[in-house]
N, C-alpha and C. Protein backbone atom coordinates (compact mmCIF):
# COMPACT_ATOMS: atom_id res chain seq x y z
N MET A 1 -23.63 36.15 135.81
CA MET A 1 -23.51 37.00 134.51
C MET A 1 -22.59 36.44 133.88
N ASN A 2 -22.82 36.51 132.47
CA ASN A 2 -22.02 35.88 131.29
C ASN A 2 -20.87 36.74 131.11
N ILE A 3 -19.66 36.39 131.32
CA ILE A 3 -18.58 37.31 131.27
C ILE A 3 -17.75 37.03 129.92
N PRO A 4 -17.65 37.98 129.15
CA PRO A 4 -16.89 37.79 127.77
C PRO A 4 -15.46 37.35 128.08
N ILE A 5 -14.83 36.65 127.30
CA ILE A 5 -13.37 36.34 127.42
C ILE A 5 -12.52 37.59 127.04
N HIS A 6 -12.98 38.38 125.97
CA HIS A 6 -12.03 39.20 125.64
C HIS A 6 -13.06 40.51 125.32
N VAL A 7 -12.77 41.65 126.13
CA VAL A 7 -13.28 42.84 126.13
C VAL A 7 -12.16 44.01 125.54
N ALA A 8 -12.65 44.71 124.61
CA ALA A 8 -11.68 45.85 124.16
C ALA A 8 -12.48 47.09 124.33
N ILE A 9 -11.65 48.31 124.38
CA ILE A 9 -12.16 49.41 124.64
C ILE A 9 -11.54 50.61 123.81
N ILE A 10 -12.34 51.44 123.21
CA ILE A 10 -12.03 52.50 122.40
C ILE A 10 -12.21 53.80 123.30
N PRO A 11 -11.21 54.27 124.03
CA PRO A 11 -11.44 55.15 125.27
C PRO A 11 -11.21 56.64 124.52
N ASP A 12 -12.48 57.10 124.02
CA ASP A 12 -12.66 58.38 123.44
C ASP A 12 -13.15 59.39 124.61
N GLY A 13 -12.77 60.52 124.15
CA GLY A 13 -13.37 61.79 124.81
C GLY A 13 -12.57 62.46 125.84
N ASN A 14 -11.01 62.00 125.85
CA ASN A 14 -10.21 62.61 126.66
C ASN A 14 -9.91 64.13 126.61
N ARG A 15 -9.82 64.56 125.40
CA ARG A 15 -9.74 65.85 124.96
C ARG A 15 -10.84 66.70 125.37
N ARG A 16 -11.96 66.19 124.88
CA ARG A 16 -13.29 66.94 125.07
C ARG A 16 -13.57 67.03 126.57
N TRP A 17 -13.10 65.89 127.41
CA TRP A 17 -13.27 66.06 128.96
C TRP A 17 -12.62 67.16 129.52
N ALA A 18 -11.33 67.40 129.01
CA ALA A 18 -10.52 68.34 129.55
C ALA A 18 -10.85 69.79 129.03
N LYS A 19 -11.35 69.87 127.84
CA LYS A 19 -11.79 71.06 127.16
C LYS A 19 -12.93 71.70 128.01
N LYS A 20 -13.91 70.81 128.37
CA LYS A 20 -15.11 71.06 129.02
C LYS A 20 -14.78 71.65 130.40
N ARG A 21 -13.53 71.53 130.97
CA ARG A 21 -13.30 71.73 132.26
C ARG A 21 -12.19 72.67 132.34
N GLY A 22 -11.94 73.46 131.05
CA GLY A 22 -11.07 74.40 130.91
C GLY A 22 -9.45 73.90 131.12
N LEU A 23 -9.44 72.78 130.92
CA LEU A 23 -7.99 72.27 131.19
C LEU A 23 -7.23 72.05 129.87
N LEU A 24 -5.89 71.85 129.85
CA LEU A 24 -5.13 71.27 128.59
C LEU A 24 -5.53 69.90 128.34
N SER A 25 -5.54 69.78 126.91
CA SER A 25 -5.94 68.24 126.63
C SER A 25 -5.08 67.29 127.31
N PHE A 26 -3.89 67.36 127.64
CA PHE A 26 -2.93 66.57 128.31
C PHE A 26 -3.65 66.04 129.59
N GLU A 27 -4.31 66.84 130.30
CA GLU A 27 -4.84 66.62 131.40
C GLU A 27 -5.88 65.55 131.40
N GLY A 28 -6.63 65.58 130.12
CA GLY A 28 -7.58 64.50 129.96
C GLY A 28 -6.88 63.12 129.85
N HIS A 29 -5.83 62.94 129.09
CA HIS A 29 -4.91 61.61 128.83
C HIS A 29 -4.21 61.55 130.32
N ARG A 30 -3.79 62.29 131.01
CA ARG A 30 -3.28 62.05 132.46
C ARG A 30 -4.09 61.23 133.25
N ASN A 31 -5.43 62.05 133.60
CA ASN A 31 -6.33 61.58 134.10
C ASN A 31 -6.66 59.90 133.87
N ALA A 32 -6.88 59.58 132.66
CA ALA A 32 -7.14 58.53 131.90
C ALA A 32 -6.30 57.49 132.33
N ALA A 33 -5.04 57.84 132.09
CA ALA A 33 -3.90 57.08 132.25
C ALA A 33 -3.55 56.63 133.76
N GLN A 34 -3.65 57.55 134.70
CA GLN A 34 -3.34 57.43 136.05
C GLN A 34 -4.49 56.85 136.90
N LYS A 35 -5.74 57.10 136.42
CA LYS A 35 -6.93 56.84 137.09
C LYS A 35 -7.82 55.58 136.71
N VAL A 36 -8.12 56.08 135.43
CA VAL A 36 -9.14 55.01 134.86
C VAL A 36 -8.54 53.88 134.45
N VAL A 37 -7.65 53.94 133.66
CA VAL A 37 -7.14 52.50 133.12
C VAL A 37 -6.58 51.63 134.15
N PRO A 38 -6.10 52.08 135.22
CA PRO A 38 -5.55 51.20 136.52
C PRO A 38 -7.12 50.65 136.98
N ASN A 39 -7.84 51.27 137.32
CA ASN A 39 -9.06 50.93 137.64
C ASN A 39 -9.93 49.78 136.93
N LEU A 40 -9.80 50.19 135.56
CA LEU A 40 -10.69 49.22 134.61
C LEU A 40 -9.62 48.08 134.67
N ILE A 41 -8.63 47.97 134.71
CA ILE A 41 -7.71 46.84 134.71
C ILE A 41 -8.08 45.97 135.82
N LYS A 42 -8.19 46.63 137.02
CA LYS A 42 -8.42 45.84 138.33
C LYS A 42 -9.84 45.19 138.03
N LYS A 43 -10.90 46.17 137.75
CA LYS A 43 -12.13 45.48 137.61
C LYS A 43 -12.29 44.50 136.70
N ALA A 44 -11.64 44.33 135.56
CA ALA A 44 -11.61 43.32 134.35
C ALA A 44 -11.31 42.11 135.30
N GLY A 45 -10.04 42.28 135.82
CA GLY A 45 -9.52 41.10 136.68
C GLY A 45 -10.56 40.35 137.58
N GLU A 46 -11.32 41.32 138.46
CA GLU A 46 -12.28 40.86 139.52
C GLU A 46 -13.33 40.04 138.90
N LEU A 47 -13.75 40.71 137.49
CA LEU A 47 -14.94 40.13 136.78
C LEU A 47 -14.54 38.70 136.01
N GLY A 48 -13.45 38.54 135.93
CA GLY A 48 -12.81 37.16 135.30
C GLY A 48 -12.43 37.31 133.84
N ILE A 49 -12.26 38.59 133.43
CA ILE A 49 -12.04 38.85 131.86
C ILE A 49 -10.58 38.25 131.71
N LYS A 50 -10.44 37.53 130.71
CA LYS A 50 -9.20 36.88 130.45
C LYS A 50 -8.21 37.70 129.39
N TYR A 51 -8.91 38.50 128.53
CA TYR A 51 -8.25 39.33 127.83
C TYR A 51 -8.84 40.95 127.80
N PHE A 52 -7.94 41.61 127.86
CA PHE A 52 -8.67 43.19 127.91
C PHE A 52 -7.71 43.98 127.23
N THR A 53 -8.20 44.87 126.16
CA THR A 53 -7.61 45.61 125.24
C THR A 53 -7.96 46.90 125.23
N ILE A 54 -6.80 48.06 125.21
CA ILE A 54 -7.11 49.46 125.42
C ILE A 54 -6.41 49.88 124.10
N TRP A 55 -7.23 50.67 123.45
CA TRP A 55 -6.50 51.44 122.25
C TRP A 55 -6.05 52.74 122.78
N ALA A 56 -4.73 52.76 123.08
CA ALA A 56 -4.12 53.84 123.75
C ALA A 56 -3.83 54.87 122.74
N MET A 57 -3.49 54.54 121.53
CA MET A 57 -2.91 55.50 120.54
C MET A 57 -3.26 54.98 119.14
N SER A 58 -3.94 55.74 118.34
CA SER A 58 -4.27 55.20 117.03
C SER A 58 -3.07 55.86 116.17
N THR A 59 -3.13 55.23 114.74
CA THR A 59 -2.11 55.62 113.83
C THR A 59 -2.37 57.18 113.59
N GLU A 60 -3.70 57.62 113.74
CA GLU A 60 -4.03 58.91 113.42
C GLU A 60 -3.46 59.85 114.47
N ASN A 61 -3.54 59.47 115.64
CA ASN A 61 -3.06 60.04 116.84
C ASN A 61 -1.53 60.30 116.57
N PHE A 62 -0.87 59.41 116.28
CA PHE A 62 0.75 59.42 116.07
C PHE A 62 0.93 60.11 114.97
N ASN A 63 0.41 60.38 113.95
CA ASN A 63 0.69 60.85 112.53
C ASN A 63 0.26 62.43 112.73
N LYS A 64 -0.76 62.74 113.32
CA LYS A 64 -1.45 64.22 113.26
C LYS A 64 -1.29 65.05 114.66
N ARG A 65 -0.84 64.30 115.66
CA ARG A 65 -0.83 65.16 116.79
C ARG A 65 0.54 65.98 116.91
N SER A 66 0.70 67.12 117.52
CA SER A 66 1.88 67.87 117.54
C SER A 66 3.13 66.89 118.42
N LYS A 67 4.31 67.40 118.12
CA LYS A 67 5.34 66.72 118.84
C LYS A 67 5.26 66.93 120.25
N LEU A 68 4.63 68.15 120.76
CA LEU A 68 4.57 68.34 122.23
C LEU A 68 3.75 67.39 122.84
N GLU A 69 2.64 67.19 122.21
CA GLU A 69 1.50 66.33 122.67
C GLU A 69 1.95 64.84 122.80
N LEU A 70 2.64 64.56 121.72
CA LEU A 70 3.13 63.06 121.60
C LEU A 70 4.22 62.82 122.67
N ASN A 71 5.02 64.00 122.76
CA ASN A 71 5.96 63.71 124.06
C ASN A 71 5.34 63.60 125.55
N GLY A 72 4.16 64.28 125.60
CA GLY A 72 3.25 64.10 126.75
C GLY A 72 2.81 62.79 126.82
N LEU A 73 2.33 62.01 125.91
CA LEU A 73 1.63 61.00 125.88
C LEU A 73 2.80 59.86 126.27
N PHE A 74 4.04 60.08 125.40
CA PHE A 74 5.22 59.17 126.02
C PHE A 74 5.61 59.26 127.36
N THR A 75 5.57 60.33 127.85
CA THR A 75 5.77 60.68 129.39
C THR A 75 4.72 60.02 130.28
N LEU A 76 3.46 59.92 129.70
CA LEU A 76 2.63 59.10 130.62
C LEU A 76 3.01 57.91 130.50
N MET A 77 3.38 57.26 129.38
CA MET A 77 3.89 55.64 129.39
C MET A 77 4.83 55.36 130.50
N LYS A 78 5.80 56.29 130.51
CA LYS A 78 6.84 56.16 131.58
C LYS A 78 6.37 56.21 132.97
N ILE A 79 5.38 57.29 133.22
CA ILE A 79 4.62 57.38 134.70
C ILE A 79 3.87 56.05 135.03
N LEU A 80 3.15 55.57 133.91
CA LEU A 80 2.24 54.50 134.00
C LEU A 80 3.15 53.26 134.38
N TYR A 81 4.33 53.12 133.65
CA TYR A 81 5.16 52.05 133.87
C TYR A 81 5.59 52.02 135.60
N LYS A 82 6.05 53.36 135.80
CA LYS A 82 6.79 53.36 137.27
C LYS A 82 5.89 53.29 138.61
N LEU A 83 4.25 53.61 138.14
CA LEU A 83 3.21 53.41 139.08
C LEU A 83 2.74 52.05 138.96
N ARG A 84 2.50 51.33 138.00
CA ARG A 84 1.65 50.32 138.04
C ARG A 84 2.37 48.95 137.53
N PHE A 85 3.38 49.02 136.92
CA PHE A 85 4.18 47.52 136.30
C PHE A 85 4.41 46.59 137.39
N LYS A 86 4.85 46.95 138.61
CA LYS A 86 5.18 45.91 139.59
C LYS A 86 3.85 45.29 139.94
N GLU A 87 2.66 46.13 139.96
CA GLU A 87 1.54 45.63 140.50
C GLU A 87 0.99 44.44 139.33
N ILE A 88 1.09 45.13 138.08
CA ILE A 88 0.53 44.12 136.91
C ILE A 88 1.35 42.74 136.92
N LYS A 89 2.58 43.02 137.14
CA LYS A 89 3.50 41.78 137.11
C LYS A 89 3.24 40.91 138.29
N LYS A 90 2.92 41.43 139.46
CA LYS A 90 2.65 40.65 140.64
C LYS A 90 1.40 39.86 140.48
N ASN A 91 0.57 40.50 139.70
CA ASN A 91 -1.01 39.94 139.62
C ASN A 91 -0.93 38.84 138.58
N GLY A 92 0.10 38.49 137.98
CA GLY A 92 0.15 37.51 137.02
C GLY A 92 -0.38 37.90 135.64
N ILE A 93 -0.31 39.19 135.21
CA ILE A 93 -0.95 39.48 133.90
C ILE A 93 0.10 39.67 132.85
N LYS A 94 -0.09 39.15 131.81
CA LYS A 94 0.88 39.31 130.67
C LYS A 94 0.39 40.52 129.75
N VAL A 95 1.48 41.29 129.43
CA VAL A 95 1.12 42.63 128.55
C VAL A 95 1.82 42.06 127.13
N LYS A 96 0.58 42.61 126.30
CA LYS A 96 0.93 42.41 124.59
C LYS A 96 0.80 43.58 124.01
N ILE A 97 1.44 43.93 122.91
CA ILE A 97 1.31 45.20 122.24
C ILE A 97 0.79 44.90 120.90
N ILE A 98 -0.28 45.55 120.29
CA ILE A 98 -0.67 45.54 118.70
C ILE A 98 -0.25 46.92 118.33
N GLY A 99 0.15 47.02 116.99
CA GLY A 99 0.39 48.28 116.33
C GLY A 99 1.78 48.39 116.10
N ASP A 100 2.12 49.42 115.39
CA ASP A 100 3.67 49.69 114.86
C ASP A 100 4.45 50.60 115.76
N ILE A 101 5.21 50.10 116.80
CA ILE A 101 5.97 51.04 117.47
C ILE A 101 7.41 51.26 117.15
N SER A 102 7.62 50.86 115.83
CA SER A 102 9.03 50.95 115.37
C SER A 102 9.26 52.56 115.08
N LYS A 103 8.37 53.29 115.17
CA LYS A 103 8.61 54.78 114.97
C LYS A 103 8.73 55.30 116.29
N PHE A 104 8.40 54.65 117.35
CA PHE A 104 8.57 55.39 118.63
C PHE A 104 9.99 55.65 119.06
N PRO A 105 10.20 56.85 119.88
CA PRO A 105 11.54 56.87 120.60
C PRO A 105 12.23 55.53 121.16
N LYS A 106 13.43 55.43 120.95
CA LYS A 106 14.17 54.41 121.37
C LYS A 106 14.00 53.93 122.89
N ASP A 107 13.97 54.87 123.80
CA ASP A 107 13.81 54.55 125.13
C ASP A 107 12.32 54.16 125.24
N ILE A 108 11.35 54.48 124.59
CA ILE A 108 10.00 53.85 124.86
C ILE A 108 10.13 52.61 124.48
N GLN A 109 10.57 52.27 123.09
CA GLN A 109 10.58 50.97 122.60
C GLN A 109 11.37 50.00 123.52
N LYS A 110 12.36 50.47 124.17
CA LYS A 110 13.21 49.61 125.03
C LYS A 110 12.20 49.41 126.49
N LEU A 111 11.62 50.34 126.74
CA LEU A 111 10.75 50.29 128.15
C LEU A 111 9.62 49.20 127.70
N ILE A 112 9.12 49.28 126.52
CA ILE A 112 7.85 48.25 126.05
C ILE A 112 8.36 46.99 125.98
N GLU A 113 9.62 46.87 125.52
CA GLU A 113 10.36 45.41 125.21
C GLU A 113 10.47 44.98 126.65
N LYS A 114 10.86 45.76 127.54
CA LYS A 114 11.09 45.22 129.04
C LYS A 114 10.05 44.60 129.58
N VAL A 115 8.88 45.51 129.40
CA VAL A 115 7.49 44.94 130.16
C VAL A 115 7.01 43.72 129.12
N LEU A 116 7.05 43.60 128.08
CA LEU A 116 6.67 42.35 127.42
C LEU A 116 7.52 41.13 127.72
N THR A 117 8.85 41.26 127.84
CA THR A 117 9.62 40.30 128.43
C THR A 117 9.52 39.59 129.94
N GLU A 118 9.17 40.73 130.64
CA GLU A 118 9.05 40.39 132.03
C GLU A 118 7.63 39.95 132.26
N THR A 119 6.80 40.09 131.52
CA THR A 119 5.46 39.56 131.80
C THR A 119 5.09 38.37 130.80
N ALA A 120 6.03 37.96 130.02
CA ALA A 120 5.78 36.84 128.90
C ALA A 120 5.23 35.60 129.69
N GLU A 121 5.68 35.32 130.87
CA GLU A 121 5.31 33.96 131.36
C GLU A 121 4.18 33.89 131.98
N ASN A 122 3.62 35.15 132.32
CA ASN A 122 2.45 35.32 133.09
C ASN A 122 1.02 34.84 132.30
N LYS A 123 0.14 34.10 133.32
CA LYS A 123 -0.79 33.49 132.58
C LYS A 123 -2.18 33.58 133.11
N LYS A 124 -2.33 34.58 134.18
CA LYS A 124 -3.69 34.83 134.60
C LYS A 124 -4.62 35.46 133.92
N ALA A 125 -4.07 36.51 133.40
CA ALA A 125 -4.71 37.49 132.23
C ALA A 125 -3.84 38.17 131.38
N THR A 126 -4.46 38.61 130.19
CA THR A 126 -3.60 39.45 129.04
C THR A 126 -4.15 40.70 129.03
N LEU A 127 -3.31 41.67 129.10
CA LEU A 127 -3.56 42.94 129.00
C LEU A 127 -2.93 43.39 127.69
N ILE A 128 -3.74 43.85 126.77
CA ILE A 128 -3.24 44.36 125.36
C ILE A 128 -3.27 45.84 125.16
N PHE A 129 -2.34 46.39 124.98
CA PHE A 129 -2.24 48.10 124.52
C PHE A 129 -2.13 48.02 122.90
N ALA A 130 -2.92 48.86 122.48
CA ALA A 130 -2.92 48.99 120.96
C ALA A 130 -2.33 50.47 120.80
N LEU A 131 -1.09 50.26 120.52
CA LEU A 131 -0.16 51.70 120.28
C LEU A 131 0.20 51.86 118.85
N ASN A 132 0.02 53.15 118.28
CA ASN A 132 0.12 53.51 116.87
C ASN A 132 -0.56 52.34 116.02
N TYR A 133 -1.68 52.02 116.52
CA TYR A 133 -2.62 51.27 115.86
C TYR A 133 -3.58 51.48 114.99
N GLY A 134 -3.80 51.09 113.89
CA GLY A 134 -4.96 51.34 112.73
C GLY A 134 -5.17 49.93 112.08
N GLY A 135 -6.40 49.82 112.02
CA GLY A 135 -6.95 48.44 111.35
C GLY A 135 -6.18 48.31 109.94
N ARG A 136 -6.49 49.37 109.05
CA ARG A 136 -5.92 49.24 107.71
C ARG A 136 -4.46 49.02 107.83
N ASP A 137 -3.85 49.79 108.71
CA ASP A 137 -2.38 49.55 108.74
C ASP A 137 -1.96 48.15 109.11
N GLU A 138 -2.70 47.66 109.85
CA GLU A 138 -2.32 46.29 110.51
C GLU A 138 -2.42 45.16 109.30
N ILE A 139 -3.58 45.45 108.54
CA ILE A 139 -3.67 44.65 107.40
C ILE A 139 -2.49 44.70 106.43
N VAL A 140 -2.20 45.93 106.08
CA VAL A 140 -1.11 46.08 105.12
C VAL A 140 0.18 45.46 105.56
N ARG A 141 0.50 45.64 106.96
CA ARG A 141 1.79 45.17 107.50
C ARG A 141 1.66 43.63 107.47
N ALA A 142 0.37 43.14 107.63
CA ALA A 142 0.30 41.60 107.54
C ALA A 142 0.66 41.27 106.27
N ILE A 143 0.09 41.94 105.08
CA ILE A 143 0.22 41.43 103.77
C ILE A 143 1.84 41.59 103.62
N ASN A 144 2.53 42.66 103.93
CA ASN A 144 3.83 42.71 103.87
C ASN A 144 4.50 41.44 104.45
N LYS A 145 4.43 41.13 105.56
CA LYS A 145 4.95 39.96 106.19
C LYS A 145 4.79 38.79 105.32
N ILE A 146 3.61 38.64 104.78
CA ILE A 146 3.26 37.44 103.98
C ILE A 146 4.10 37.46 102.51
N SER A 147 4.43 38.68 102.13
CA SER A 147 5.33 38.88 100.90
C SER A 147 6.67 38.53 101.22
N ASN A 148 7.11 39.09 102.38
CA ASN A 148 8.65 38.88 102.61
C ASN A 148 9.00 37.60 103.01
N ILE A 149 8.16 36.71 103.49
CA ILE A 149 8.42 35.40 103.56
C ILE A 149 8.04 34.56 102.33
N GLN A 150 7.59 35.26 101.45
CA GLN A 150 7.03 34.42 100.06
C GLN A 150 5.98 33.43 100.48
N TYR A 151 5.13 33.66 101.29
CA TYR A 151 4.18 32.76 101.65
C TYR A 151 3.33 32.43 100.32
N PRO A 152 2.72 31.05 100.20
CA PRO A 152 2.12 30.94 98.93
C PRO A 152 0.57 31.47 98.99
N ILE A 153 0.36 32.58 98.30
CA ILE A 153 -0.85 33.23 98.30
C ILE A 153 -2.06 32.07 98.19
N SER A 154 -1.84 31.18 97.39
CA SER A 154 -3.05 30.23 96.97
C SER A 154 -3.42 29.33 98.36
N ASN A 155 -2.64 29.56 99.37
CA ASN A 155 -2.66 28.64 100.79
C ASN A 155 -3.33 29.53 101.55
N LEU A 156 -3.70 30.87 101.32
CA LEU A 156 -4.20 31.59 102.20
C LEU A 156 -5.56 31.49 102.34
N ASN A 157 -6.27 31.52 103.65
CA ASN A 157 -7.73 31.55 103.97
C ASN A 157 -8.01 32.47 105.15
N THR A 158 -9.11 32.55 105.46
CA THR A 158 -9.43 33.48 106.51
C THR A 158 -8.94 33.08 107.82
N GLU A 159 -8.41 31.54 108.12
CA GLU A 159 -7.94 31.37 109.38
C GLU A 159 -6.61 31.40 109.48
N ASN A 160 -5.82 31.08 108.31
CA ASN A 160 -4.25 31.34 108.62
C ASN A 160 -3.88 32.69 108.39
N PHE A 161 -4.83 33.61 107.57
CA PHE A 161 -4.36 34.69 107.45
C PHE A 161 -4.05 35.48 108.85
N SER A 162 -4.97 35.24 109.89
CA SER A 162 -4.99 35.58 111.14
C SER A 162 -3.71 35.60 111.86
N GLN A 163 -2.78 34.70 111.55
CA GLN A 163 -1.48 34.52 111.92
C GLN A 163 -0.50 35.56 111.65
N PHE A 164 -0.91 36.33 110.60
CA PHE A 164 -0.04 37.27 110.21
C PHE A 164 -0.34 38.85 110.91
N LEU A 165 -1.57 38.77 111.58
CA LEU A 165 -1.93 39.97 112.24
C LEU A 165 -1.20 40.23 113.60
N ASP A 166 -1.50 41.51 114.03
CA ASP A 166 -0.79 41.64 115.29
C ASP A 166 -1.46 40.74 116.65
N THR A 167 -2.72 40.56 116.32
CA THR A 167 -3.35 39.89 117.37
C THR A 167 -3.19 38.14 117.33
N ASP A 168 -2.35 37.75 116.46
CA ASP A 168 -2.04 36.33 116.27
C ASP A 168 -1.93 35.82 117.89
N GLY A 169 -2.73 34.67 117.91
CA GLY A 169 -2.80 34.10 119.28
C GLY A 169 -3.67 34.54 120.41
N ILE A 170 -4.40 35.73 120.01
CA ILE A 170 -5.26 36.64 120.72
C ILE A 170 -6.86 36.22 120.19
N PRO A 171 -7.72 35.81 120.95
CA PRO A 171 -9.13 35.69 120.65
C PRO A 171 -9.55 36.82 120.25
N ASP A 172 -10.69 36.82 119.35
CA ASP A 172 -11.42 38.15 118.71
C ASP A 172 -12.20 38.59 119.88
N PRO A 173 -12.36 39.97 120.00
CA PRO A 173 -13.12 40.49 120.96
C PRO A 173 -14.61 40.04 121.07
N ASP A 174 -15.03 39.64 122.09
CA ASP A 174 -16.56 39.48 122.26
C ASP A 174 -17.17 40.73 122.46
N LEU A 175 -16.54 41.56 123.05
CA LEU A 175 -17.44 43.00 123.38
C LEU A 175 -16.39 44.04 123.13
N ILE A 176 -16.94 45.02 122.36
CA ILE A 176 -15.98 46.49 122.06
C ILE A 176 -16.94 47.48 122.64
N ILE A 177 -16.23 48.21 123.42
CA ILE A 177 -16.97 49.25 124.34
C ILE A 177 -16.20 50.65 123.68
N ARG A 178 -17.09 51.58 123.28
CA ARG A 178 -16.56 52.81 122.94
C ARG A 178 -17.13 53.86 123.69
N THR A 179 -16.27 54.54 124.33
CA THR A 179 -16.65 55.87 125.11
C THR A 179 -16.87 57.09 124.31
N GLY A 180 -17.35 58.08 124.80
CA GLY A 180 -17.30 59.44 124.14
C GLY A 180 -18.43 59.81 123.46
N GLY A 181 -19.52 58.86 123.04
CA GLY A 181 -20.65 59.35 122.30
C GLY A 181 -20.62 59.01 120.88
N GLU A 182 -19.63 58.82 120.43
CA GLU A 182 -19.38 58.27 118.85
C GLU A 182 -19.95 57.06 118.77
N LYS A 183 -20.55 56.74 117.65
CA LYS A 183 -20.94 55.26 117.43
C LYS A 183 -20.42 54.64 116.27
N ARG A 184 -19.05 54.38 116.09
CA ARG A 184 -18.36 54.01 115.00
C ARG A 184 -17.14 53.32 115.65
N LEU A 185 -16.57 52.27 115.13
CA LEU A 185 -15.25 51.79 115.48
C LEU A 185 -13.83 52.44 114.98
N SER A 186 -13.94 53.27 113.88
CA SER A 186 -12.96 54.10 113.43
C SER A 186 -11.64 53.33 113.14
N GLY A 187 -11.98 52.19 112.58
CA GLY A 187 -10.73 51.25 112.08
C GLY A 187 -10.20 50.29 113.23
N PHE A 188 -11.02 50.11 114.18
CA PHE A 188 -10.33 49.55 115.28
C PHE A 188 -10.69 47.91 115.07
N LEU A 189 -9.67 47.13 115.08
CA LEU A 189 -9.82 45.72 114.94
C LEU A 189 -10.90 45.23 113.94
N PRO A 190 -10.71 45.69 112.51
CA PRO A 190 -11.59 45.34 111.52
C PRO A 190 -11.89 43.96 111.20
N TRP A 191 -10.54 43.27 111.26
CA TRP A 191 -10.72 41.89 110.76
C TRP A 191 -11.23 41.04 112.10
N GLN A 192 -10.98 41.42 113.16
CA GLN A 192 -11.26 40.71 114.35
C GLN A 192 -12.61 41.11 114.88
N SER A 193 -13.20 42.22 114.71
CA SER A 193 -14.44 42.43 115.29
C SER A 193 -15.70 42.06 114.35
N VAL A 194 -15.61 41.03 113.43
CA VAL A 194 -16.83 40.84 112.59
C VAL A 194 -17.82 40.45 113.47
N TYR A 195 -17.69 39.65 114.36
CA TYR A 195 -18.87 39.26 115.27
C TYR A 195 -18.96 39.70 116.84
N SER A 196 -18.15 40.74 117.02
CA SER A 196 -18.19 41.32 118.35
C SER A 196 -19.43 42.11 118.58
N GLU A 197 -19.72 41.93 119.90
CA GLU A 197 -21.01 42.79 120.27
C GLU A 197 -20.55 44.18 120.59
N LEU A 198 -21.37 45.43 120.32
CA LEU A 198 -20.79 46.50 120.49
C LEU A 198 -21.63 47.43 121.43
N TYR A 199 -20.84 48.16 122.10
CA TYR A 199 -21.54 48.80 123.52
C TYR A 199 -20.93 50.30 123.37
N PHE A 200 -21.81 51.25 123.21
CA PHE A 200 -21.64 52.69 122.94
C PHE A 200 -22.05 53.40 124.41
N SER A 201 -20.93 54.05 124.99
CA SER A 201 -21.31 55.00 126.11
C SER A 201 -21.13 56.40 125.88
N ASN A 202 -22.07 56.98 126.32
CA ASN A 202 -21.88 58.63 125.97
C ASN A 202 -21.09 59.50 127.00
N LEU A 203 -20.36 58.73 127.89
CA LEU A 203 -19.55 59.35 129.03
C LEU A 203 -18.33 59.60 128.32
N TYR A 204 -17.39 60.60 128.47
CA TYR A 204 -16.19 60.91 128.00
C TYR A 204 -15.20 59.59 128.94
N PHE A 205 -14.19 59.38 128.33
CA PHE A 205 -13.46 58.12 128.95
C PHE A 205 -13.15 58.32 130.75
N PRO A 206 -12.59 59.59 130.75
CA PRO A 206 -12.16 59.76 132.08
C PRO A 206 -13.35 59.74 133.31
N ASP A 207 -14.53 59.84 132.75
CA ASP A 207 -15.70 59.50 133.57
C ASP A 207 -16.22 58.13 133.37
N PHE A 208 -15.52 57.16 132.72
CA PHE A 208 -15.89 55.83 132.59
C PHE A 208 -15.27 55.05 133.73
N ASP A 209 -16.05 54.72 134.70
CA ASP A 209 -15.28 53.96 135.82
C ASP A 209 -15.64 52.45 135.69
N LYS A 210 -15.46 51.76 136.98
CA LYS A 210 -15.53 50.46 137.12
C LYS A 210 -16.86 50.03 137.07
N HIS A 211 -17.83 50.81 137.53
CA HIS A 211 -19.15 50.65 137.61
C HIS A 211 -20.02 50.52 136.16
N GLU A 212 -19.33 51.57 135.41
CA GLU A 212 -19.66 51.67 133.85
C GLU A 212 -19.30 50.32 133.05
N LEU A 213 -18.10 49.90 133.46
CA LEU A 213 -17.62 48.77 132.85
C LEU A 213 -18.59 47.52 133.22
N GLU A 214 -18.99 47.61 134.37
CA GLU A 214 -19.84 46.41 135.03
C GLU A 214 -21.21 46.50 134.11
N LYS A 215 -21.50 47.62 134.01
CA LYS A 215 -22.77 48.06 133.32
C LYS A 215 -22.69 47.42 131.86
N ALA A 216 -21.64 47.71 131.26
CA ALA A 216 -21.52 47.37 129.79
C ALA A 216 -21.72 45.59 129.67
N ILE A 217 -20.74 45.16 130.76
CA ILE A 217 -20.74 43.53 130.72
C ILE A 217 -22.23 43.03 131.09
N GLN A 218 -22.96 43.73 131.86
CA GLN A 218 -24.42 43.30 132.19
C GLN A 218 -25.21 43.35 130.93
N ASP A 219 -25.07 44.42 130.15
CA ASP A 219 -25.73 44.56 128.97
C ASP A 219 -25.21 43.40 127.83
N TYR A 220 -24.01 43.21 127.74
CA TYR A 220 -23.68 42.02 126.96
C TYR A 220 -24.37 40.82 127.35
N SER A 221 -24.44 40.54 128.72
CA SER A 221 -24.91 39.15 129.20
C SER A 221 -26.36 39.05 128.81
N LEU A 222 -27.02 40.06 128.50
CA LEU A 222 -28.52 39.88 127.93
C LEU A 222 -28.64 39.60 126.50
N ARG A 223 -27.62 39.67 125.67
CA ARG A 223 -27.67 39.44 124.24
C ARG A 223 -27.38 37.95 124.01
N LYS A 224 -28.07 37.76 122.77
CA LYS A 224 -27.92 36.35 122.25
C LYS A 224 -27.00 36.45 120.84
N ARG A 225 -25.76 35.98 121.28
CA ARG A 225 -24.75 36.13 120.00
C ARG A 225 -25.29 34.98 118.86
N ARG A 226 -25.24 35.57 117.80
CA ARG A 226 -25.55 34.37 116.37
C ARG A 226 -24.46 34.13 115.52
N PHE A 227 -23.28 34.87 115.74
CA PHE A 227 -22.25 34.72 114.80
C PHE A 227 -22.47 34.59 113.33
N GLY A 228 -23.38 35.42 112.94
CA GLY A 228 -23.69 35.48 111.33
C GLY A 228 -24.76 34.48 111.17
N ARG A 229 -25.21 33.61 112.13
CA ARG A 229 -26.17 32.37 111.75
C ARG A 229 -27.61 33.06 111.57
């Protein structure tokens, strides 16, 4: 089986999964964070995927969700840290973050910094969480970085512009998976996804298990990538 180097997931459908079962929307997020995500991370490692990205929170989520719901999501981050961080660290996985976490509560920022620092030297695989991430926002922030260091605009090209993005040093995703039935990327990695293969699953994310991930990889293996040629 042809294994992609970098797989990214848009985990859609948590709220709809919960609503369908008469549960609070938080329960969909909790199920995803405590059960689905750890199992997918483990399966990705077993398959030999070197980079695995999960879009855990979009800029729209951060800006439009109620304070109560956001606090619930931040609580889940703490729970996930307590339950899984030692295992992630032990397994040689480096954790990286893309997105703007500067508006997160200070305790969450410190927790994230601790995770990044303590896994920085790990080399077996890289796990990337997209937090308060939006593709347009990432590009605007990249332009602001360029402006702040007074980088010569005339020297910019498609290759060196990438070093100002959140994903600097991370290969572009070979495969992007979206769950929940929607067939769009919704601003996820717009610069990096130009040649990515796309896989859409009708399953809500809490129902997307390790077997479904393997099914997506098998589908990818059958494709012939042309990279615009």
